[in-house]
Amino acid sequence: MLEQNQGHISPDSQWSTYEANVQSYRGLSMSAQSLYLAVGAILLGAGDKLPFFTVLVLAMVTTWYVFFPVIFARCAIVDFHKFDLGSRFTGAGDLRGASDDSRLSERAYANLWRGRPLRARVASQIPMPAGQRFRTMRQTRLKLDLFIPVSITVVWAVFALYIVFAH
């Protein structure tokens, strides 16, 4: 049975639930990217440009519009719950005082583009060891959630250059 916390699951349960979501989305992303690359390689061998570029566009939309923002948002939500940011910061990203009613919202914090200044403001107020900065895309997340999609995009670019210039 889930622990109740103001009508919702407890922060620890929320954190672990969103972390599991991040892992699932990463797996789905890799499966989709692998499928698109396999189909793209087959079409590359056939030299048929229209189907190849259709798959390329679908792959890039899936990678950069569907999966990257979703995975990034879920990583931010994991941090939101893991570090209990909602109860520690106001909606403007300032440390909450005893009399502050405003609370940082998960939705505002996790928004990929509009939440960026808010995340920066919050991060500047979270103490980290050894002079490190708190940020959503830490080293492991950068490797998994940015390097892999960038490297797959580079492979697609090489495929596209090949099909344009070799055929």
N, C-alpha and C. Protein backbone atom coordinates (compact mmCIF):
# COMPACT_ATOMS: atom_id res chain seq x y z
N MET A 1 0.84 -1.19 0.00
CA MET A 1 0.00 0.00 0.00
C MET A 1 0.89 1.25 0.00
N LEU A 2 0.53 2.23 -0.79
CA LEU A 2 1.31 3.46 -0.88
C LEU A 2 1.07 4.35 0.33
N GLU A 3 2.15 4.96 0.78
CA GLU A 3 2.01 5.94 1.85
C GLU A 3 1.32 7.16 1.29
N GLN A 4 0.44 7.75 2.04
CA GLN A 4 -0.28 8.93 1.57
C GLN A 4 0.41 10.20 2.05
N ASN A 5 0.47 11.20 1.20
CA ASN A 5 1.08 12.48 1.52
C ASN A 5 0.21 13.57 0.92
N GLN A 6 -0.66 14.13 1.70
CA GLN A 6 -1.57 15.18 1.24
C GLN A 6 -2.35 14.73 0.00
N GLY A 7 -2.86 13.50 0.04
CA GLY A 7 -3.67 13.02 -1.08
C GLY A 7 -2.88 12.47 -2.25
N HIS A 8 -1.57 12.47 -2.16
CA HIS A 8 -0.73 11.96 -3.24
C HIS A 8 0.23 10.94 -2.66
N ILE A 9 0.93 10.25 -3.53
CA ILE A 9 1.93 9.31 -3.03
C ILE A 9 3.08 10.08 -2.39
N SER A 10 3.79 9.44 -1.49
CA SER A 10 4.85 10.10 -0.74
C SER A 10 5.97 10.57 -1.66
N PRO A 11 6.75 11.58 -1.25
CA PRO A 11 7.86 12.07 -2.09
C PRO A 11 8.85 10.97 -2.46
N ASP A 12 9.16 10.06 -1.54
CA ASP A 12 10.07 8.96 -1.87
C ASP A 12 9.50 8.07 -2.95
N SER A 13 8.20 7.80 -2.87
CA SER A 13 7.55 6.99 -3.90
C SER A 13 7.50 7.73 -5.22
N GLN A 14 7.25 9.04 -5.18
CA GLN A 14 7.23 9.83 -6.41
C GLN A 14 8.60 9.80 -7.08
N TRP A 15 9.63 9.98 -6.30
CA TRP A 15 10.99 9.99 -6.84
C TRP A 15 11.30 8.65 -7.51
N SER A 16 11.02 7.55 -6.84
CA SER A 16 11.34 6.25 -7.42
C SER A 16 10.45 5.95 -8.63
N THR A 17 9.21 6.40 -8.61
CA THR A 17 8.32 6.21 -9.76
C THR A 17 8.85 6.95 -10.97
N TYR A 18 9.22 8.21 -10.81
CA TYR A 18 9.75 8.99 -11.94
C TYR A 18 11.10 8.47 -12.40
N GLU A 19 11.92 7.98 -11.48
CA GLU A 19 13.20 7.39 -11.88
C GLU A 19 12.96 6.15 -12.73
N ALA A 20 11.98 5.34 -12.36
CA ALA A 20 11.63 4.17 -13.17
C ALA A 20 11.12 4.61 -14.54
N ASN A 21 10.35 5.71 -14.58
CA ASN A 21 9.88 6.24 -15.87
C ASN A 21 11.05 6.66 -16.74
N VAL A 22 12.04 7.34 -16.16
CA VAL A 22 13.22 7.76 -16.92
C VAL A 22 13.89 6.54 -17.56
N GLN A 23 14.08 5.49 -16.77
CA GLN A 23 14.73 4.29 -17.29
C GLN A 23 13.89 3.66 -18.41
N SER A 24 12.59 3.62 -18.24
CA SER A 24 11.71 3.07 -19.29
C SER A 24 11.78 3.90 -20.56
N TYR A 25 11.74 5.21 -20.42
CA TYR A 25 11.80 6.09 -21.59
C TYR A 25 13.14 5.96 -22.31
N ARG A 26 14.22 5.80 -21.56
CA ARG A 26 15.53 5.59 -22.19
C ARG A 26 15.52 4.31 -23.01
N GLY A 27 14.95 3.26 -22.44
CA GLY A 27 14.88 1.99 -23.16
C GLY A 27 14.03 2.09 -24.42
N LEU A 28 12.88 2.75 -24.31
CA LEU A 28 12.03 2.96 -25.49
C LEU A 28 12.74 3.79 -26.54
N SER A 29 13.45 4.80 -26.09
CA SER A 29 14.18 5.67 -27.02
C SER A 29 15.22 4.88 -27.79
N MET A 30 16.00 4.06 -27.08
CA MET A 30 17.03 3.27 -27.74
C MET A 30 16.41 2.26 -28.71
N SER A 31 15.31 1.66 -28.32
CA SER A 31 14.64 0.71 -29.22
C SER A 31 14.17 1.41 -30.50
N ALA A 32 13.54 2.56 -30.33
CA ALA A 32 13.05 3.31 -31.50
C ALA A 32 14.22 3.75 -32.38
N GLN A 33 15.27 4.28 -31.77
CA GLN A 33 16.43 4.73 -32.55
C GLN A 33 17.08 3.56 -33.29
N SER A 34 17.18 2.41 -32.64
CA SER A 34 17.77 1.23 -33.28
C SER A 34 16.93 0.77 -34.46
N LEU A 35 15.61 0.77 -34.27
CA LEU A 35 14.72 0.36 -35.36
C LEU A 35 14.85 1.31 -36.55
N TYR A 36 14.82 2.61 -36.28
CA TYR A 36 14.97 3.59 -37.36
C TYR A 36 16.32 3.44 -38.07
N LEU A 37 17.41 3.25 -37.29
CA LEU A 37 18.72 3.08 -37.91
C LEU A 37 18.78 1.82 -38.78
N ALA A 38 18.18 0.74 -38.33
CA ALA A 38 18.18 -0.50 -39.12
C ALA A 38 17.42 -0.29 -40.43
N VAL A 39 16.24 0.31 -40.34
CA VAL A 39 15.45 0.58 -41.55
C VAL A 39 16.21 1.56 -42.45
N GLY A 40 16.80 2.59 -41.85
CA GLY A 40 17.58 3.56 -42.64
C GLY A 40 18.75 2.91 -43.35
N ALA A 41 19.44 1.99 -42.68
CA ALA A 41 20.57 1.30 -43.31
C ALA A 41 20.11 0.44 -44.48
N ILE A 42 18.98 -0.21 -44.33
CA ILE A 42 18.43 -1.02 -45.43
C ILE A 42 18.08 -0.12 -46.61
N LEU A 43 17.41 1.01 -46.33
CA LEU A 43 17.05 1.94 -47.40
C LEU A 43 18.28 2.60 -48.02
N LEU A 44 19.29 2.82 -47.21
CA LEU A 44 20.55 3.37 -47.72
C LEU A 44 21.15 2.42 -48.75
N GLY A 45 21.13 1.13 -48.41
CA GLY A 45 21.65 0.12 -49.34
C GLY A 45 20.84 0.05 -50.63
N ALA A 46 19.56 0.29 -50.53
CA ALA A 46 18.69 0.27 -51.71
C ALA A 46 18.87 1.52 -52.55
N GLY A 47 19.35 2.61 -51.91
CA GLY A 47 19.56 3.86 -52.63
C GLY A 47 18.30 4.63 -52.94
N ASP A 48 17.20 4.28 -52.33
CA ASP A 48 15.93 4.95 -52.57
C ASP A 48 15.81 6.16 -51.64
N LYS A 49 15.92 7.35 -52.20
CA LYS A 49 16.05 8.56 -51.39
C LYS A 49 14.79 8.97 -50.64
N LEU A 50 13.62 8.93 -51.28
CA LEU A 50 12.40 9.40 -50.61
C LEU A 50 12.09 8.59 -49.35
N PRO A 51 12.04 7.26 -49.43
CA PRO A 51 11.79 6.51 -48.19
C PRO A 51 12.89 6.72 -47.15
N PHE A 52 14.15 6.81 -47.60
CA PHE A 52 15.25 7.02 -46.66
C PHE A 52 15.07 8.33 -45.90
N PHE A 53 14.81 9.42 -46.62
CA PHE A 53 14.69 10.71 -45.95
C PHE A 53 13.40 10.81 -45.12
N THR A 54 12.37 10.06 -45.50
CA THR A 54 11.17 10.00 -44.67
C THR A 54 11.49 9.36 -43.32
N VAL A 55 12.22 8.26 -43.35
CA VAL A 55 12.62 7.59 -42.11
C VAL A 55 13.57 8.48 -41.30
N LEU A 56 14.47 9.17 -41.99
CA LEU A 56 15.40 10.07 -41.30
C LEU A 56 14.62 11.16 -40.54
N VAL A 57 13.66 11.77 -41.21
CA VAL A 57 12.86 12.82 -40.56
C VAL A 57 12.09 12.24 -39.37
N LEU A 58 11.48 11.09 -39.54
CA LEU A 58 10.77 10.45 -38.44
C LEU A 58 11.71 10.15 -37.27
N ALA A 59 12.91 9.68 -37.58
CA ALA A 59 13.89 9.37 -36.53
C ALA A 59 14.30 10.63 -35.77
N MET A 60 14.54 11.72 -36.47
CA MET A 60 14.96 12.96 -35.81
C MET A 60 13.83 13.56 -34.98
N VAL A 61 12.60 13.50 -35.50
CA VAL A 61 11.46 14.00 -34.73
C VAL A 61 11.28 13.16 -33.47
N THR A 62 11.38 11.85 -33.64
CA THR A 62 11.23 10.96 -32.48
C THR A 62 12.32 11.22 -31.45
N THR A 63 13.54 11.40 -31.90
CA THR A 63 14.66 11.61 -30.98
C THR A 63 14.59 12.95 -30.28
N TRP A 64 14.44 14.03 -31.05
CA TRP A 64 14.60 15.38 -30.49
C TRP A 64 13.30 16.05 -30.07
N TYR A 65 12.17 15.63 -30.60
CA TYR A 65 10.89 16.24 -30.22
C TYR A 65 10.13 15.37 -29.23
N VAL A 66 10.21 14.06 -29.42
CA VAL A 66 9.45 13.16 -28.55
C VAL A 66 10.27 12.77 -27.32
N PHE A 67 11.40 12.09 -27.53
CA PHE A 67 12.10 11.51 -26.39
C PHE A 67 12.97 12.47 -25.60
N PHE A 68 13.77 13.31 -26.25
CA PHE A 68 14.69 14.16 -25.49
C PHE A 68 13.96 15.07 -24.49
N PRO A 69 12.94 15.82 -24.90
CA PRO A 69 12.26 16.66 -23.92
C PRO A 69 11.57 15.87 -22.81
N VAL A 70 11.03 14.71 -23.15
CA VAL A 70 10.34 13.90 -22.14
C VAL A 70 11.34 13.36 -21.12
N ILE A 71 12.45 12.82 -21.60
CA ILE A 71 13.46 12.29 -20.69
C ILE A 71 14.05 13.41 -19.84
N PHE A 72 14.33 14.56 -20.45
CA PHE A 72 14.86 15.69 -19.68
C PHE A 72 13.87 16.11 -18.58
N ALA A 73 12.60 16.22 -18.94
CA ALA A 73 11.59 16.63 -17.96
C ALA A 73 11.49 15.62 -16.83
N ARG A 74 11.54 14.34 -17.16
CA ARG A 74 11.46 13.33 -16.10
C ARG A 74 12.70 13.38 -15.21
N CYS A 75 13.86 13.65 -15.76
CA CYS A 75 15.06 13.81 -14.93
C CYS A 75 14.90 15.00 -13.98
N ALA A 76 14.35 16.10 -14.49
CA ALA A 76 14.12 17.28 -13.64
C ALA A 76 13.09 16.97 -12.56
N ILE A 77 12.07 16.19 -12.90
CA ILE A 77 11.05 15.82 -11.91
C ILE A 77 11.65 14.90 -10.84
N VAL A 78 12.54 14.00 -11.26
CA VAL A 78 13.23 13.15 -10.28
C VAL A 78 13.97 14.04 -9.28
N ASP A 79 14.71 15.03 -9.78
CA ASP A 79 15.43 15.95 -8.90
C ASP A 79 14.47 16.74 -8.02
N PHE A 80 13.37 17.17 -8.61
CA PHE A 80 12.37 17.94 -7.87
C PHE A 80 11.93 17.18 -6.62
N HIS A 81 11.66 15.89 -6.78
CA HIS A 81 11.20 15.09 -5.65
C HIS A 81 12.36 14.58 -4.79
N LYS A 82 13.46 14.21 -5.42
CA LYS A 82 14.61 13.68 -4.68
C LYS A 82 15.16 14.71 -3.69
N PHE A 83 15.22 15.96 -4.13
CA PHE A 83 15.76 17.04 -3.29
C PHE A 83 14.66 17.86 -2.61
N ASP A 84 13.41 17.38 -2.73
CA ASP A 84 12.25 18.02 -2.08
C ASP A 84 12.20 19.53 -2.38
N LEU A 85 12.34 19.88 -3.65
CA LEU A 85 12.43 21.29 -4.05
C LEU A 85 11.11 22.03 -3.86
N GLY A 86 9.99 21.34 -3.98
CA GLY A 86 8.69 22.00 -3.85
C GLY A 86 8.47 22.60 -2.48
N SER A 87 8.97 21.95 -1.46
CA SER A 87 8.77 22.50 -0.12
C SER A 87 9.92 23.42 0.31
N ARG A 88 11.00 23.43 -0.45
CA ARG A 88 12.16 24.24 -0.08
C ARG A 88 12.23 25.59 -0.80
N PHE A 89 11.53 25.71 -1.96
CA PHE A 89 11.63 26.91 -2.78
C PHE A 89 10.26 27.46 -3.12
N THR A 90 10.23 28.78 -3.35
CA THR A 90 8.99 29.43 -3.77
C THR A 90 8.79 29.26 -5.27
N GLY A 91 7.66 29.69 -5.75
CA GLY A 91 7.37 29.63 -7.18
C GLY A 91 8.34 30.43 -8.02
N ALA A 92 8.99 31.43 -7.41
CA ALA A 92 9.97 32.26 -8.13
C ALA A 92 11.38 31.66 -8.04
N GLY A 93 11.54 30.57 -7.28
CA GLY A 93 12.84 29.94 -7.17
C GLY A 93 13.69 30.43 -6.01
N ASP A 94 13.08 31.16 -5.08
CA ASP A 94 13.79 31.62 -3.89
C ASP A 94 13.58 30.62 -2.76
N LEU A 95 14.53 30.60 -1.82
CA LEU A 95 14.35 29.74 -0.65
C LEU A 95 13.12 30.18 0.11
N ARG A 96 12.32 29.23 0.54
CA ARG A 96 11.08 29.54 1.25
C ARG A 96 11.36 29.92 2.69
N GLY A 97 10.69 30.93 3.13
CA GLY A 97 10.72 31.30 4.53
C GLY A 97 9.53 30.67 5.23
N ALA A 98 9.47 30.83 6.54
CA ALA A 98 8.37 30.24 7.32
C ALA A 98 7.03 30.83 6.92
N SER A 99 7.02 32.08 6.47
CA SER A 99 5.75 32.73 6.15
C SER A 99 5.38 32.66 4.66
N ASP A 100 6.24 32.06 3.83
CA ASP A 100 5.96 31.98 2.39
C ASP A 100 4.92 30.92 2.08
N ASP A 101 3.87 31.33 1.36
CA ASP A 101 2.83 30.39 0.94
C ASP A 101 3.14 29.81 -0.44
N SER A 102 3.89 30.55 -1.23
CA SER A 102 4.20 30.11 -2.59
C SER A 102 5.15 28.90 -2.55
N ARG A 103 4.83 27.93 -3.40
CA ARG A 103 5.68 26.73 -3.51
C ARG A 103 6.09 26.53 -4.95
N LEU A 104 7.30 26.09 -5.15
CA LEU A 104 7.79 25.75 -6.47
C LEU A 104 6.95 24.61 -7.04
N SER A 105 6.51 24.77 -8.29
CA SER A 105 5.70 23.70 -8.89
C SER A 105 6.56 22.79 -9.76
N GLU A 106 6.20 21.54 -9.73
CA GLU A 106 6.90 20.52 -10.52
C GLU A 106 6.84 20.87 -12.01
N ARG A 107 5.68 21.29 -12.45
CA ARG A 107 5.48 21.59 -13.87
C ARG A 107 6.37 22.75 -14.34
N ALA A 108 6.43 23.81 -13.56
CA ALA A 108 7.26 24.96 -13.93
C ALA A 108 8.74 24.59 -13.91
N TYR A 109 9.14 23.82 -12.92
CA TYR A 109 10.55 23.45 -12.78
C TYR A 109 11.00 22.53 -13.91
N ALA A 110 10.15 21.61 -14.34
CA ALA A 110 10.55 20.59 -15.30
C ALA A 110 10.41 21.03 -16.76
N ASN A 111 9.81 22.17 -17.03
CA ASN A 111 9.64 22.61 -18.42
C ASN A 111 11.00 22.82 -19.08
N LEU A 112 11.22 22.17 -20.22
CA LEU A 112 12.53 22.17 -20.87
C LEU A 112 13.06 23.57 -21.14
N TRP A 113 12.27 24.42 -21.77
CA TRP A 113 12.77 25.75 -22.16
C TRP A 113 12.34 26.84 -21.16
N ARG A 114 11.07 26.92 -20.86
CA ARG A 114 10.61 27.99 -19.96
C ARG A 114 11.08 27.80 -18.53
N GLY A 115 11.38 26.57 -18.14
CA GLY A 115 11.84 26.31 -16.78
C GLY A 115 13.32 26.53 -16.56
N ARG A 116 14.03 26.83 -17.64
CA ARG A 116 15.50 26.97 -17.54
C ARG A 116 15.94 28.04 -16.54
N PRO A 117 15.42 29.27 -16.61
CA PRO A 117 15.85 30.29 -15.63
C PRO A 117 15.48 29.90 -14.20
N LEU A 118 14.34 29.24 -14.04
CA LEU A 118 13.91 28.82 -12.72
C LEU A 118 14.84 27.74 -12.17
N ARG A 119 15.20 26.77 -13.00
CA ARG A 119 16.14 25.73 -12.57
C ARG A 119 17.49 26.33 -12.21
N ALA A 120 17.94 27.31 -13.00
CA ALA A 120 19.23 27.96 -12.71
C ALA A 120 19.18 28.69 -11.38
N ARG A 121 18.08 29.37 -11.13
CA ARG A 121 17.93 30.11 -9.87
C ARG A 121 17.93 29.16 -8.67
N VAL A 122 17.19 28.07 -8.79
CA VAL A 122 17.14 27.07 -7.72
C VAL A 122 18.52 26.44 -7.54
N ALA A 123 19.15 26.05 -8.64
CA ALA A 123 20.46 25.38 -8.59
C ALA A 123 21.51 26.25 -7.90
N SER A 124 21.43 27.55 -8.10
CA SER A 124 22.43 28.44 -7.50
C SER A 124 22.32 28.48 -5.98
N GLN A 125 21.22 27.99 -5.44
CA GLN A 125 21.00 28.04 -4.00
C GLN A 125 21.11 26.67 -3.33
N ILE A 126 21.46 25.65 -4.09
CA ILE A 126 21.62 24.31 -3.52
C ILE A 126 23.11 24.05 -3.32
N PRO A 127 23.53 23.87 -2.07
CA PRO A 127 24.95 23.62 -1.82
C PRO A 127 25.36 22.24 -2.34
N MET A 128 26.48 22.20 -3.03
CA MET A 128 27.01 20.95 -3.57
C MET A 128 28.45 20.77 -3.08
N PRO A 129 28.92 19.53 -2.95
CA PRO A 129 30.29 19.30 -2.47
C PRO A 129 31.34 19.69 -3.50
N ALA A 130 32.50 20.04 -3.02
CA ALA A 130 33.69 20.31 -3.84
C ALA A 130 33.46 21.34 -4.94
N GLY A 131 32.66 22.34 -4.66
CA GLY A 131 32.46 23.43 -5.61
C GLY A 131 31.70 23.03 -6.86
N GLN A 132 31.06 21.86 -6.88
CA GLN A 132 30.29 21.45 -8.05
C GLN A 132 29.00 22.26 -8.12
N ARG A 133 28.41 22.31 -9.30
CA ARG A 133 27.14 22.98 -9.52
C ARG A 133 26.02 21.94 -9.56
N PHE A 134 24.90 22.28 -9.00
CA PHE A 134 23.72 21.42 -9.13
C PHE A 134 23.13 21.69 -10.50
N ARG A 135 22.89 20.66 -11.26
CA ARG A 135 22.25 20.81 -12.56
C ARG A 135 21.53 19.53 -12.93
N THR A 136 20.52 19.67 -13.75
CA THR A 136 19.70 18.53 -14.14
C THR A 136 20.51 17.53 -14.96
N MET A 137 21.28 18.02 -15.91
CA MET A 137 22.06 17.13 -16.77
C MET A 137 23.45 16.92 -16.18
N ARG A 138 23.52 16.06 -15.17
CA ARG A 138 24.80 15.72 -14.58
C ARG A 138 25.54 14.76 -15.51
N GLN A 139 26.77 14.37 -15.17
CA GLN A 139 27.63 13.61 -16.08
C GLN A 139 26.98 12.35 -16.65
N THR A 140 26.40 11.52 -15.81
CA THR A 140 25.79 10.29 -16.31
C THR A 140 24.62 10.61 -17.24
N ARG A 141 23.82 11.58 -16.85
CA ARG A 141 22.68 11.95 -17.70
C ARG A 141 23.16 12.55 -19.01
N LEU A 142 24.24 13.32 -18.98
CA LEU A 142 24.77 13.87 -20.22
C LEU A 142 25.19 12.75 -21.16
N LYS A 143 25.85 11.74 -20.61
CA LYS A 143 26.31 10.63 -21.44
C LYS A 143 25.14 9.84 -22.03
N LEU A 144 24.16 9.55 -21.20
CA LEU A 144 23.04 8.73 -21.66
C LEU A 144 22.01 9.49 -22.46
N ASP A 145 21.69 10.68 -22.00
CA ASP A 145 20.54 11.40 -22.56
C ASP A 145 20.91 12.46 -23.58
N LEU A 146 22.19 12.75 -23.75
CA LEU A 146 22.59 13.72 -24.75
C LEU A 146 23.59 13.12 -25.74
N PHE A 147 24.63 12.46 -25.23
CA PHE A 147 25.65 11.92 -26.13
C PHE A 147 25.09 10.87 -27.09
N ILE A 148 24.27 9.98 -26.57
CA ILE A 148 23.72 8.92 -27.44
C ILE A 148 22.83 9.50 -28.54
N PRO A 149 21.87 10.38 -28.23
CA PRO A 149 21.08 10.96 -29.33
C PRO A 149 21.93 11.79 -30.31
N VAL A 150 22.93 12.50 -29.80
CA VAL A 150 23.81 13.27 -30.69
C VAL A 150 24.59 12.32 -31.59
N SER A 151 25.13 11.24 -31.03
CA SER A 151 25.90 10.31 -31.85
C SER A 151 25.02 9.63 -32.91
N ILE A 152 23.79 9.32 -32.56
CA ILE A 152 22.88 8.73 -33.53
C ILE A 152 22.53 9.74 -34.62
N THR A 153 22.39 11.00 -34.23
CA THR A 153 22.14 12.06 -35.22
C THR A 153 23.33 12.18 -36.18
N VAL A 154 24.53 12.04 -35.67
CA VAL A 154 25.73 12.09 -36.52
C VAL A 154 25.73 10.91 -37.50
N VAL A 155 25.36 9.73 -37.03
CA VAL A 155 25.27 8.57 -37.93
C VAL A 155 24.27 8.84 -39.04
N TRP A 156 23.11 9.41 -38.68
CA TRP A 156 22.12 9.76 -39.70
C TRP A 156 22.67 10.78 -40.69
N ALA A 157 23.43 11.75 -40.19
CA ALA A 157 24.02 12.76 -41.08
C ALA A 157 24.99 12.11 -42.07
N VAL A 158 25.79 11.17 -41.58
CA VAL A 158 26.72 10.45 -42.47
C VAL A 158 25.93 9.64 -43.49
N PHE A 159 24.90 8.95 -43.05
CA PHE A 159 24.03 8.22 -43.99
C PHE A 159 23.47 9.16 -45.05
N ALA A 160 22.97 10.31 -44.61
CA ALA A 160 22.34 11.27 -45.55
C ALA A 160 23.36 11.79 -46.55
N LEU A 161 24.55 12.14 -46.06
CA LEU A 161 25.60 12.61 -46.99
C LEU A 161 25.96 11.53 -47.99
N TYR A 162 26.03 10.31 -47.53
CA TYR A 162 26.35 9.20 -48.43
C TYR A 162 25.30 9.04 -49.51
N ILE A 163 24.03 9.04 -49.11
CA ILE A 163 22.96 8.80 -50.10
C ILE A 163 22.84 9.98 -51.08
N VAL A 164 23.16 11.19 -50.62
CA VAL A 164 23.09 12.36 -51.49
C VAL A 164 24.26 12.37 -52.49
N PHE A 165 25.47 12.09 -52.01
CA PHE A 165 26.65 12.25 -52.84
C PHE A 165 27.10 10.97 -53.54
N ALA A 166 26.74 9.80 -53.04
CA ALA A 166 27.19 8.56 -53.65
C ALA A 166 26.21 7.99 -54.65
N HIS A 167 24.97 8.43 -54.58
CA HIS A 167 23.98 7.88 -55.50
C HIS A 167 23.53 8.92 -56.48
